PDB file of N, CA and C in Angstrom:
ATOM      1  N   MET A   1       0.840  -1.203   0.000  1.00  0.00           N
ATOM      2  CA  MET A   1       0.000   0.000   0.000  1.00  0.00           C
ATOM      3  C   MET A   1       0.872   1.249   0.000  1.00  0.00           C
ATOM      4  N   ASP A   2       0.489   2.183  -0.773  1.00  0.00           N
ATOM      5  CA  ASP A   2       1.223   3.440  -0.888  1.00  0.00           C
ATOM      6  C   ASP A   2       0.912   4.319   0.314  1.00  0.00           C
ATOM      7  N   VAL A   3       1.931   4.742   1.045  1.00  0.00           N
ATOM      8  CA  VAL A   3       1.685   5.558   2.239  1.00  0.00           C
ATOM      9  C   VAL A   3       1.092   6.916   1.891  1.00  0.00           C
ATOM     10  N   ASP A   4       1.310   7.377   0.667  1.00  0.00           N
ATOM     11  CA  ASP A   4       0.728   8.658   0.258  1.00  0.00           C
ATOM     12  C   ASP A   4      -0.798   8.605   0.249  1.00  0.00           C
ATOM     13  N   ASP A   5      -1.374   7.429   0.009  1.00  0.00           N
ATOM     14  CA  ASP A   5      -2.830   7.290   0.011  1.00  0.00           C
ATOM     15  C   ASP A   5      -3.423   7.702   1.352  1.00  0.00           C
ATOM     16  N   GLU A   6      -2.703   7.428   2.435  1.00  0.00           N
ATOM     17  CA  GLU A   6      -3.239   7.688   3.766  1.00  0.00           C
ATOM     18  C   GLU A   6      -3.322   9.176   4.079  1.00  0.00           C
ATOM     19  N   SER A   7      -2.436   9.971   3.500  1.00  0.00           N
ATOM     20  CA  SER A   7      -2.435  11.401   3.807  1.00  0.00           C
ATOM     21  C   SER A   7      -3.324  12.197   2.847  1.00  0.00           C
ATOM     22  N   TRP A   8      -3.860  11.530   1.886  1.00  0.00           N
ATOM     23  CA  TRP A   8      -4.676  12.137   0.850  1.00  0.00           C
ATOM     24  C   TRP A   8      -6.148  11.926   1.181  1.00  0.00           C
ATOM     25  N   SER A   9      -7.004  12.844   0.753  1.00  0.00           N
ATOM     26  CA  SER A   9      -8.426  12.657   1.057  1.00  0.00           C
ATOM     27  C   SER A   9      -9.294  12.910  -0.159  1.00  0.00           C
ATOM     28  N   VAL A  10     -10.453  12.271  -0.153  1.00  0.00           N
ATOM     29  CA  VAL A  10     -11.440  12.475  -1.206  1.00  0.00           C
ATOM     30  C   VAL A  10     -11.889  13.930  -1.202  1.00  0.00           C
ATOM     31  N   ASN A  11     -12.076  14.496  -0.018  1.00  0.00           N
ATOM     32  CA  ASN A  11     -12.508  15.902   0.076  1.00  0.00           C
ATOM     33  C   ASN A  11     -11.517  16.838  -0.600  1.00  0.00           C
ATOM     34  N   GLU A  12     -10.233  16.521  -0.489  1.00  0.00           N
ATOM     35  CA  GLU A  12      -9.204  17.340  -1.134  1.00  0.00           C
ATOM     36  C   GLU A  12      -9.360  17.294  -2.657  1.00  0.00           C
ATOM     37  N   ALA A  13      -9.622  16.112  -3.198  1.00  0.00           N
ATOM     38  CA  ALA A  13      -9.808  15.981  -4.642  1.00  0.00           C
ATOM     39  C   ALA A  13     -11.047  16.737  -5.100  1.00  0.00           C
ATOM     40  N   ILE A  14     -12.141  16.637  -4.342  1.00  0.00           N
ATOM     41  CA  ILE A  14     -13.368  17.361  -4.690  1.00  0.00           C
ATOM     42  C   ILE A  14     -13.122  18.866  -4.634  1.00  0.00           C
ATOM     43  N   LYS A  15     -12.418  19.314  -3.613  1.00  0.00           N
ATOM     44  CA  LYS A  15     -12.113  20.741  -3.484  1.00  0.00           C
ATOM     45  C   LYS A  15     -11.288  21.222  -4.670  1.00  0.00           C
ATOM     46  N   ASN A  16     -10.282  20.436  -5.057  1.00  0.00           N
ATOM     47  CA  ASN A  16      -9.448  20.806  -6.205  1.00  0.00           C
ATOM     48  C   ASN A  16     -10.261  20.843  -7.494  1.00  0.00           C
ATOM     49  N   LEU A  17     -11.167  19.889  -7.658  1.00  0.00           N
ATOM     50  CA  LEU A  17     -12.009  19.867  -8.849  1.00  0.00           C
ATOM     51  C   LEU A  17     -12.945  21.071  -8.865  1.00  0.00           C
ATOM     52  N   LYS A  18     -13.514  21.408  -7.710  1.00  0.00           N
ATOM     53  CA  LYS A  18     -14.386  22.587  -7.638  1.00  0.00           C
ATOM     54  C   LYS A  18     -13.627  23.862  -7.978  1.00  0.00           C
ATOM     55  N   ASN A  19     -12.396  23.984  -7.481  1.00  0.00           N
ATOM     56  CA  ASN A  19     -11.582  25.163  -7.784  1.00  0.00           C
ATOM     57  C   ASN A  19     -11.297  25.247  -9.278  1.00  0.00           C
ATOM     58  N   ALA A  20     -10.991  24.113  -9.897  1.00  0.00           N
ATOM     59  CA  ALA A  20     -10.729  24.098 -11.340  1.00  0.00           C
ATOM     60  C   ALA A  20     -11.993  24.479 -12.111  1.00  0.00           C
ATOM     61  N   MET A  21     -13.141  23.983 -11.661  1.00  0.00           N
ATOM     62  CA  MET A  21     -14.412  24.340 -12.314  1.00  0.00           C
ATOM     63  C   MET A  21     -14.646  25.837 -12.234  1.00  0.00           C
ATOM     64  N   LYS A  22     -14.398  26.403 -11.078  1.00  0.00           N
ATOM     65  CA  LYS A  22     -14.619  27.836 -10.879  1.00  0.00           C
ATOM     66  C   LYS A  22     -13.692  28.644 -11.779  1.00  0.00           C
ATOM     67  N   GLU A  23     -12.416  28.257 -11.817  1.00  0.00           N
ATOM     68  CA  GLU A  23     -11.432  28.960 -12.645  1.00  0.00           C
ATOM     69  C   GLU A  23     -11.800  28.900 -14.123  1.00  0.00           C
ATOM     70  N   ASN A  24     -12.351  27.766 -14.561  1.00  0.00           N
ATOM     71  CA  ASN A  24     -12.692  27.581 -15.970  1.00  0.00           C
ATOM     72  C   ASN A  24     -14.141  27.915 -16.276  1.00  0.00           C
ATOM     73  N   ASN A  25     -14.859  28.414 -15.267  1.00  0.00           N
ATOM     74  CA  ASN A  25     -16.267  28.785 -15.441  1.00  0.00           C
ATOM     75  C   ASN A  25     -17.093  27.614 -15.983  1.00  0.00           C
ATOM     76  N   GLN A  26     -16.920  26.443 -15.385  1.00  0.00           N
ATOM     77  CA  GLN A  26     -17.615  25.244 -15.841  1.00  0.00           C
ATOM     78  C   GLN A  26     -18.656  24.798 -14.818  1.00  0.00           C
ATOM     79  N   ARG A  27     -19.672  24.129 -15.321  1.00  0.00           N
ATOM     80  CA  ARG A  27     -20.688  23.529 -14.476  1.00  0.00           C
ATOM     81  C   ARG A  27     -20.362  22.044 -14.308  1.00  0.00           C
ATOM     82  N   ALA A  28     -20.974  21.420 -13.313  1.00  0.00           N
ATOM     83  CA  ALA A  28     -20.743  19.990 -13.076  1.00  0.00           C
ATOM     84  C   ALA A  28     -21.071  19.173 -14.324  1.00  0.00           C
ATOM     85  N   SER A  29     -22.137  19.539 -15.029  1.00  0.00           N
ATOM     86  CA  SER A  29     -22.533  18.778 -16.223  1.00  0.00           C
ATOM     87  C   SER A  29     -21.469  18.859 -17.318  1.00  0.00           C
ATOM     88  N   GLU A  30     -20.799  20.007 -17.431  1.00  0.00           N
ATOM     89  CA  GLU A  30     -19.743  20.150 -18.430  1.00  0.00           C
ATOM     90  C   GLU A  30     -18.521  19.311 -18.059  1.00  0.00           C
ATOM     91  N   VAL A  31     -18.168  19.327 -16.783  1.00  0.00           N
ATOM     92  CA  VAL A  31     -17.045  18.523 -16.310  1.00  0.00           C
ATOM     93  C   VAL A  31     -17.363  17.042 -16.508  1.00  0.00           C
ATOM     94  N   PHE A  32     -18.589  16.654 -16.140  1.00  0.00           N
ATOM     95  CA  PHE A  32     -19.000  15.259 -16.293  1.00  0.00           C
ATOM     96  C   PHE A  32     -18.876  14.822 -17.750  1.00  0.00           C
ATOM     97  N   SER A  33     -19.403  15.625 -18.659  1.00  0.00           N
ATOM     98  CA  SER A  33     -19.355  15.273 -20.087  1.00  0.00           C
ATOM     99  C   SER A  33     -17.933  15.123 -20.590  1.00  0.00           C
ATOM    100  N   SER A  34     -17.041  15.962 -20.102  1.00  0.00           N
ATOM    101  CA  SER A  34     -15.659  15.886 -20.576  1.00  0.00           C
ATOM    102  C   SER A  34     -14.930  14.670 -19.994  1.00  0.00           C
ATOM    103  N   ILE A  35     -15.334  14.207 -18.805  1.00  0.00           N
ATOM    104  CA  ILE A  35     -14.690  13.044 -18.192  1.00  0.00           C
ATOM    105  C   ILE A  35     -15.287  11.741 -18.721  1.00  0.00           C
ATOM    106  N   ASP A  36     -16.586  11.742 -19.032  1.00  0.00           N
ATOM    107  CA  ASP A  36     -17.277  10.541 -19.521  1.00  0.00           C
ATOM    108  C   ASP A  36     -16.901  10.298 -20.981  1.00  0.00           C
ATOM    109  N   ALA A  37     -15.730   9.711 -21.175  1.00  0.00           N
ATOM    110  CA  ALA A  37     -15.141   9.573 -22.513  1.00  0.00           C
ATOM    111  C   ALA A  37     -15.983   8.741 -23.476  1.00  0.00           C
ATOM    112  N   ASN A  38     -16.664   7.716 -22.984  1.00  0.00           N
ATOM    113  CA  ASN A  38     -17.439   6.873 -23.891  1.00  0.00           C
ATOM    114  C   ASN A  38     -18.923   7.257 -23.942  1.00  0.00           C
ATOM    115  N   ASP A  39     -19.274   8.363 -23.308  1.00  0.00           N
ATOM    116  CA  ASP A  39     -20.648   8.909 -23.350  1.00  0.00           C
ATOM    117  C   ASP A  39     -21.720   7.902 -22.941  1.00  0.00           C
ATOM    118  N   ASP A  40     -21.409   7.075 -21.925  1.00  0.00           N
ATOM    119  CA  ASP A  40     -22.411   6.111 -21.471  1.00  0.00           C
ATOM    120  C   ASP A  40     -23.190   6.597 -20.251  1.00  0.00           C
ATOM    121  N   GLY A  41     -22.936   7.843 -19.832  1.00  0.00           N
ATOM    122  CA  GLY A  41     -23.658   8.398 -18.696  1.00  0.00           C
ATOM    123  C   GLY A  41     -23.082   8.002 -17.354  1.00  0.00           C
ATOM    124  N   LYS A  42     -21.937   7.349 -17.363  1.00  0.00           N
ATOM    125  CA  LYS A  42     -21.268   6.908 -16.133  1.00  0.00           C
ATOM    126  C   LYS A  42     -19.769   7.164 -16.264  1.00  0.00           C
ATOM    127  N   ILE A  43     -19.148   7.512 -15.151  1.00  0.00           N
ATOM    128  CA  ILE A  43     -17.697   7.677 -15.131  1.00  0.00           C
ATOM    129  C   ILE A  43     -17.107   6.474 -14.416  1.00  0.00           C
ATOM    130  N   ASN A  44     -16.234   5.728 -15.113  1.00  0.00           N
ATOM    131  CA  ASN A  44     -15.565   4.594 -14.489  1.00  0.00           C
ATOM    132  C   ASN A  44     -14.174   5.007 -14.009  1.00  0.00           C
ATOM    133  N   GLY A  45     -13.447   4.080 -13.434  1.00  0.00           N
ATOM    134  CA  GLY A  45     -12.129   4.385 -12.886  1.00  0.00           C
ATOM    135  C   GLY A  45     -11.153   4.980 -13.882  1.00  0.00           C
ATOM    136  N   PRO A  46     -10.940   4.325 -15.037  1.00  0.00           N
ATOM    137  CA  PRO A  46      -9.997   4.898 -16.008  1.00  0.00           C
ATOM    138  C   PRO A  46     -10.412   6.290 -16.510  1.00  0.00           C
ATOM    139  N   GLU A  47     -11.700   6.501 -16.699  1.00  0.00           N
ATOM    140  CA  GLU A  47     -12.167   7.819 -17.139  1.00  0.00           C
ATOM    141  C   GLU A  47     -11.908   8.861 -16.057  1.00  0.00           C
ATOM    142  N   LEU A  48     -12.168   8.497 -14.802  1.00  0.00           N
ATOM    143  CA  LEU A  48     -11.943   9.428 -13.697  1.00  0.00           C
ATOM    144  C   LEU A  48     -10.466   9.766 -13.574  1.00  0.00           C
ATOM    145  N   TYR A  49      -9.617   8.762 -13.695  1.00  0.00           N
ATOM    146  CA  TYR A  49      -8.172   8.974 -13.620  1.00  0.00           C
ATOM    147  C   TYR A  49      -7.730  10.001 -14.666  1.00  0.00           C
ATOM    148  N   LYS A  50      -8.122   9.777 -15.917  1.00  0.00           N
ATOM    149  CA  LYS A  50      -7.737  10.686 -17.009  1.00  0.00           C
ATOM    150  C   LYS A  50      -8.370  12.063 -16.828  1.00  0.00           C
ATOM    151  N   GLY A  51      -9.630  12.091 -16.385  1.00  0.00           N
ATOM    152  CA  GLY A  51     -10.332  13.362 -16.211  1.00  0.00           C
ATOM    153  C   GLY A  51      -9.722  14.229 -15.135  1.00  0.00           C
ATOM    154  N   LEU A  52      -9.280  13.619 -14.044  1.00  0.00           N
ATOM    155  CA  LEU A  52      -8.659  14.403 -12.973  1.00  0.00           C
ATOM    156  C   LEU A  52      -7.322  14.970 -13.405  1.00  0.00           C
ATOM    157  N   ILE A  53      -6.581  14.210 -14.206  1.00  0.00           N
ATOM    158  CA  ILE A  53      -5.324  14.750 -14.748  1.00  0.00           C
ATOM    159  C   ILE A  53      -5.633  15.964 -15.621  1.00  0.00           C
ATOM    160  N   GLU A  54      -6.645  15.819 -16.477  1.00  0.00           N
ATOM    161  CA  GLU A  54      -7.004  16.884 -17.408  1.00  0.00           C
ATOM    162  C   GLU A  54      -7.503  18.138 -16.683  1.00  0.00           C
ATOM    163  N   HIS A  55      -8.350  17.941 -15.673  1.00  0.00           N
ATOM    164  CA  HIS A  55      -8.995  19.089 -15.021  1.00  0.00           C
ATOM    165  C   HIS A  55      -8.183  19.711 -13.899  1.00  0.00           C
ATOM    166  N   ILE A  56      -7.524  18.886 -13.084  1.00  0.00           N
ATOM    167  CA  ILE A  56      -6.823  19.468 -11.943  1.00  0.00           C
ATOM    168  C   ILE A  56      -5.342  19.114 -11.902  1.00  0.00           C
ATOM    169  N   GLY A  57      -4.893  18.338 -12.892  1.00  0.00           N
ATOM    170  CA  GLY A  57      -3.476  18.020 -12.979  1.00  0.00           C
ATOM    171  C   GLY A  57      -3.001  16.994 -11.967  1.00  0.00           C
ATOM    172  N   ASP A  58      -3.916  16.379 -11.242  1.00  0.00           N
ATOM    173  CA  ASP A  58      -3.530  15.397 -10.234  1.00  0.00           C
ATOM    174  C   ASP A  58      -3.448  14.006 -10.834  1.00  0.00           C
ATOM    175  N   ARG A  59      -2.316  13.357 -10.617  1.00  0.00           N
ATOM    176  CA  ARG A  59      -2.165  11.947 -10.992  1.00  0.00           C
ATOM    177  C   ARG A  59      -2.404  11.140  -9.728  1.00  0.00           C
ATOM    178  N   LEU A  60      -3.502  10.433  -9.703  1.00  0.00           N
ATOM    179  CA  LEU A  60      -3.867   9.681  -8.514  1.00  0.00           C
ATOM    180  C   LEU A  60      -3.537   8.205  -8.684  1.00  0.00           C
ATOM    181  N   SER A  61      -3.332   7.556  -7.572  1.00  0.00           N
ATOM    182  CA  SER A  61      -3.101   6.111  -7.606  1.00  0.00           C
ATOM    183  C   SER A  61      -4.429   5.410  -7.872  1.00  0.00           C
ATOM    184  N   PRO A  62      -4.392   4.159  -8.313  1.00  0.00           N
ATOM    185  CA  PRO A  62      -5.651   3.416  -8.475  1.00  0.00           C
ATOM    186  C   PRO A  62      -6.453   3.372  -7.181  1.00  0.00           C
ATOM    187  N   GLY A  63      -5.777   3.286  -6.058  1.00  0.00           N
ATOM    188  CA  GLY A  63      -6.473   3.283  -4.770  1.00  0.00           C
ATOM    189  C   GLY A  63      -7.204   4.580  -4.511  1.00  0.00           C
ATOM    190  N   GLN A  64      -6.587   5.696  -4.876  1.00  0.00           N
ATOM    191  CA  GLN A  64      -7.229   6.992  -4.687  1.00  0.00           C
ATOM    192  C   GLN A  64      -8.433   7.146  -5.603  1.00  0.00           C
ATOM    193  N   VAL A  65      -8.314   6.695  -6.843  1.00  0.00           N
ATOM    194  CA  VAL A  65      -9.441   6.741  -7.776  1.00  0.00           C
ATOM    195  C   VAL A  65     -10.591   5.905  -7.227  1.00  0.00           C
ATOM    196  N   SER A  66     -10.268   4.726  -6.698  1.00  0.00           N
ATOM    197  CA  SER A  66     -11.302   3.869  -6.100  1.00  0.00           C
ATOM    198  C   SER A  66     -11.956   4.541  -4.904  1.00  0.00           C
ATOM    199  N   MET A  67     -11.160   5.240  -4.105  1.00  0.00           N
ATOM    200  CA  MET A  67     -11.717   5.941  -2.944  1.00  0.00           C
ATOM    201  C   MET A  67     -12.727   6.995  -3.376  1.00  0.00           C
ATOM    202  N   ILE A  68     -12.415   7.738  -4.432  1.00  0.00           N
ATOM    203  CA  ILE A  68     -13.332   8.769  -4.924  1.00  0.00           C
ATOM    204  C   ILE A  68     -14.615   8.113  -5.422  1.00  0.00           C
ATOM    205  N   ILE A  69     -14.475   7.072  -6.221  1.00  0.00           N
ATOM    206  CA  ILE A  69     -15.660   6.395  -6.748  1.00  0.00           C
ATOM    207  C   ILE A  69     -16.509   5.858  -5.602  1.00  0.00           C
ATOM    208  N   ASN A  70     -15.884   5.201  -4.631  1.00  0.00           N
ATOM    209  CA  ASN A  70     -16.632   4.658  -3.503  1.00  0.00           C
ATOM    210  C   ASN A  70     -17.332   5.754  -2.703  1.00  0.00           C
ATOM    211  N   ALA A  71     -16.671   6.895  -2.553  1.00  0.00           N
ATOM    212  CA  ALA A  71     -17.251   7.988  -1.769  1.00  0.00           C
ATOM    213  C   ALA A  71     -18.434   8.648  -2.481  1.00  0.00           C
ATOM    214  N   LEU A  72     -18.386   8.728  -3.804  1.00  0.00           N
ATOM    215  CA  LEU A  72     -19.424   9.442  -4.551  1.00  0.00           C
ATOM    216  C   LEU A  72     -20.520   8.526  -5.073  1.00  0.00           C
ATOM    217  N   ASP A  73     -20.230   7.248  -5.182  1.00  0.00           N
ATOM    218  CA  ASP A  73     -21.160   6.285  -5.780  1.00  0.00           C
ATOM    219  C   ASP A  73     -22.251   5.912  -4.776  1.00  0.00           C
ATOM    220  N   THR A  74     -23.412   6.537  -4.904  1.00  0.00           N
ATOM    221  CA  THR A  74     -24.495   6.298  -3.947  1.00  0.00           C
ATOM    222  C   THR A  74     -25.384   5.116  -4.324  1.00  0.00           C
ATOM    223  N   ASN A  75     -25.334   4.661  -5.577  1.00  0.00           N
ATOM    224  CA  ASN A  75     -26.188   3.528  -5.978  1.00  0.00           C
ATOM    225  C   ASN A  75     -25.404   2.221  -6.120  1.00  0.00           C
ATOM    226  N   ASP A  76     -24.153   2.214  -5.667  1.00  0.00           N
ATOM    227  CA  ASP A  76     -23.319   1.004  -5.608  1.00  0.00           C
ATOM    228  C   ASP A  76     -23.139   0.289  -6.946  1.00  0.00           C
ATOM    229  N   ASP A  77     -22.965   1.056  -8.035  1.00  0.00           N
ATOM    230  CA  ASP A  77     -22.680   0.419  -9.323  1.00  0.00           C
ATOM    231  C   ASP A  77     -21.202   0.562  -9.708  1.00  0.00           C
ATOM    232  N   ASN A  78     -20.393   1.076  -8.770  1.00  0.00           N
ATOM    233  CA  ASN A  78     -18.954   1.274  -8.973  1.00  0.00           C
ATOM    234  C   ASN A  78     -18.635   2.272 -10.075  1.00  0.00           C
ATOM    235  N   ARG A  79     -19.558   3.154 -10.337  1.00  0.00           N
ATOM    236  CA  ARG A  79     -19.351   4.236 -11.303  1.00  0.00           C
ATOM    237  C   ARG A  79     -20.004   5.487 -10.744  1.00  0.00           C
ATOM    238  N   ILE A  80     -19.646   6.627 -11.321  1.00  0.00           N
ATOM    239  CA  ILE A  80     -20.221   7.901 -10.890  1.00  0.00           C
ATOM    240  C   ILE A  80     -21.097   8.424 -12.014  1.00  0.00           C
ATOM    241  N   ASP A  81     -22.351   8.730 -11.700  1.00  0.00           N
ATOM    242  CA  ASP A  81     -23.210   9.343 -12.709  1.00  0.00           C
ATOM    243  C   ASP A  81     -23.306  10.842 -12.432  1.00  0.00           C
ATOM    244  N   LEU A  82     -23.982  11.559 -13.299  1.00  0.00           N
ATOM    245  CA  LEU A  82     -24.045  13.016 -13.187  1.00  0.00           C
ATOM    246  C   LEU A  82     -24.692  13.449 -11.879  1.00  0.00           C
ATOM    247  N   VAL A  83     -25.746  12.770 -11.457  1.00  0.00           N
ATOM    248  CA  VAL A  83     -26.426  13.132 -10.205  1.00  0.00           C
ATOM    249  C   VAL A  83     -25.455  12.994  -9.033  1.00  0.00           C
ATOM    250  N   GLU A  84     -24.701  11.914  -9.014  1.00  0.00           N
ATOM    251  CA  GLU A  84     -23.748  11.693  -7.922  1.00  0.00           C
ATOM    252  C   GLU A  84     -22.636  12.734  -7.927  1.00  0.00           C
ATOM    253  N   LEU A  85     -22.108  13.055  -9.100  1.00  0.00           N
ATOM    254  CA  LEU A  85     -21.055  14.059  -9.185  1.00  0.00           C
ATOM    255  C   LEU A  85     -21.579  15.430  -8.792  1.00  0.00           C
ATOM    256  N   SER A  86     -22.743  15.794  -9.285  1.00  0.00           N
ATOM    257  CA  SER A  86     -23.329  17.099  -8.958  1.00  0.00           C
ATOM    258  C   SER A  86     -23.569  17.227  -7.462  1.00  0.00           C
ATOM    259  N   ALA A  87     -24.086  16.165  -6.852  1.00  0.00           N
ATOM    260  CA  ALA A  87     -24.348  16.186  -5.411  1.00  0.00           C
ATOM    261  C   ALA A  87     -23.051  16.386  -4.634  1.00  0.00           C
ATOM    262  N   ALA A  88     -22.005  15.702  -5.035  1.00  0.00           N
ATOM    263  CA  ALA A  88     -20.724  15.823  -4.339  1.00  0.00           C
ATOM    264  C   ALA A  88     -20.146  17.226  -4.481  1.00  0.00           C
ATOM    265  N   LEU A  89     -20.246  17.781  -5.670  1.00  0.00           N
ATOM    266  CA  LEU A  89     -19.674  19.112  -5.895  1.00  0.00           C
ATOM    267  C   LEU A  89     -20.487  20.186  -5.176  1.00  0.00           C
ATOM    268  N   ASP A  90     -21.768  20.002  -5.050  1.00  0.00           N
ATOM    269  CA  ASP A  90     -22.599  20.983  -4.345  1.00  0.00           C
ATOM    270  C   ASP A  90     -22.462  20.853  -2.833  1.00  0.00           C
ATOM    271  N   GLU A  91     -22.289  19.642  -2.322  1.00  0.00           N
ATOM    272  CA  GLU A  91     -22.209  19.420  -0.882  1.00  0.00           C
ATOM    273  C   GLU A  91     -20.928  19.954  -0.261  1.00  0.00           C
ATOM    274  N   GLU A  92     -19.881  20.048  -1.043  1.00  0.00           N
ATOM    275  CA  GLU A  92     -18.578  20.409  -0.486  1.00  0.00           C
ATOM    276  C   GLU A  92     -18.350  21.916  -0.395  1.00  0.00           C
ATOM    277  N   GLU A  93     -19.393  22.694  -0.470  1.00  0.00           N
ATOM    278  CA  GLU A  93     -19.261  24.162  -0.421  1.00  0.00           C
ATOM    279  C   GLU A  93     -18.524  24.631   0.813  1.00  0.00           C
TER     280      GLU A  93
END
């Protein structure tokens, strides 16, 4: 296990994503669309990994990507949909 995972938090990633959205004047739906590479209405692990690099420049470990998905995935399908992402971005105000 990577010790860096322990000092990192899902809230930090959400905060960084919100800051990037604000700087780029983007809405959650726009961020979601840009991360959902295959346009299936769900963000999976590889899409989230690439999307976070693109939006906030963070290269996360697979464990960190899984932590984000687990934290935001309210319907237990191991993916993030727009409702889940929007809720997370709005809750972290």
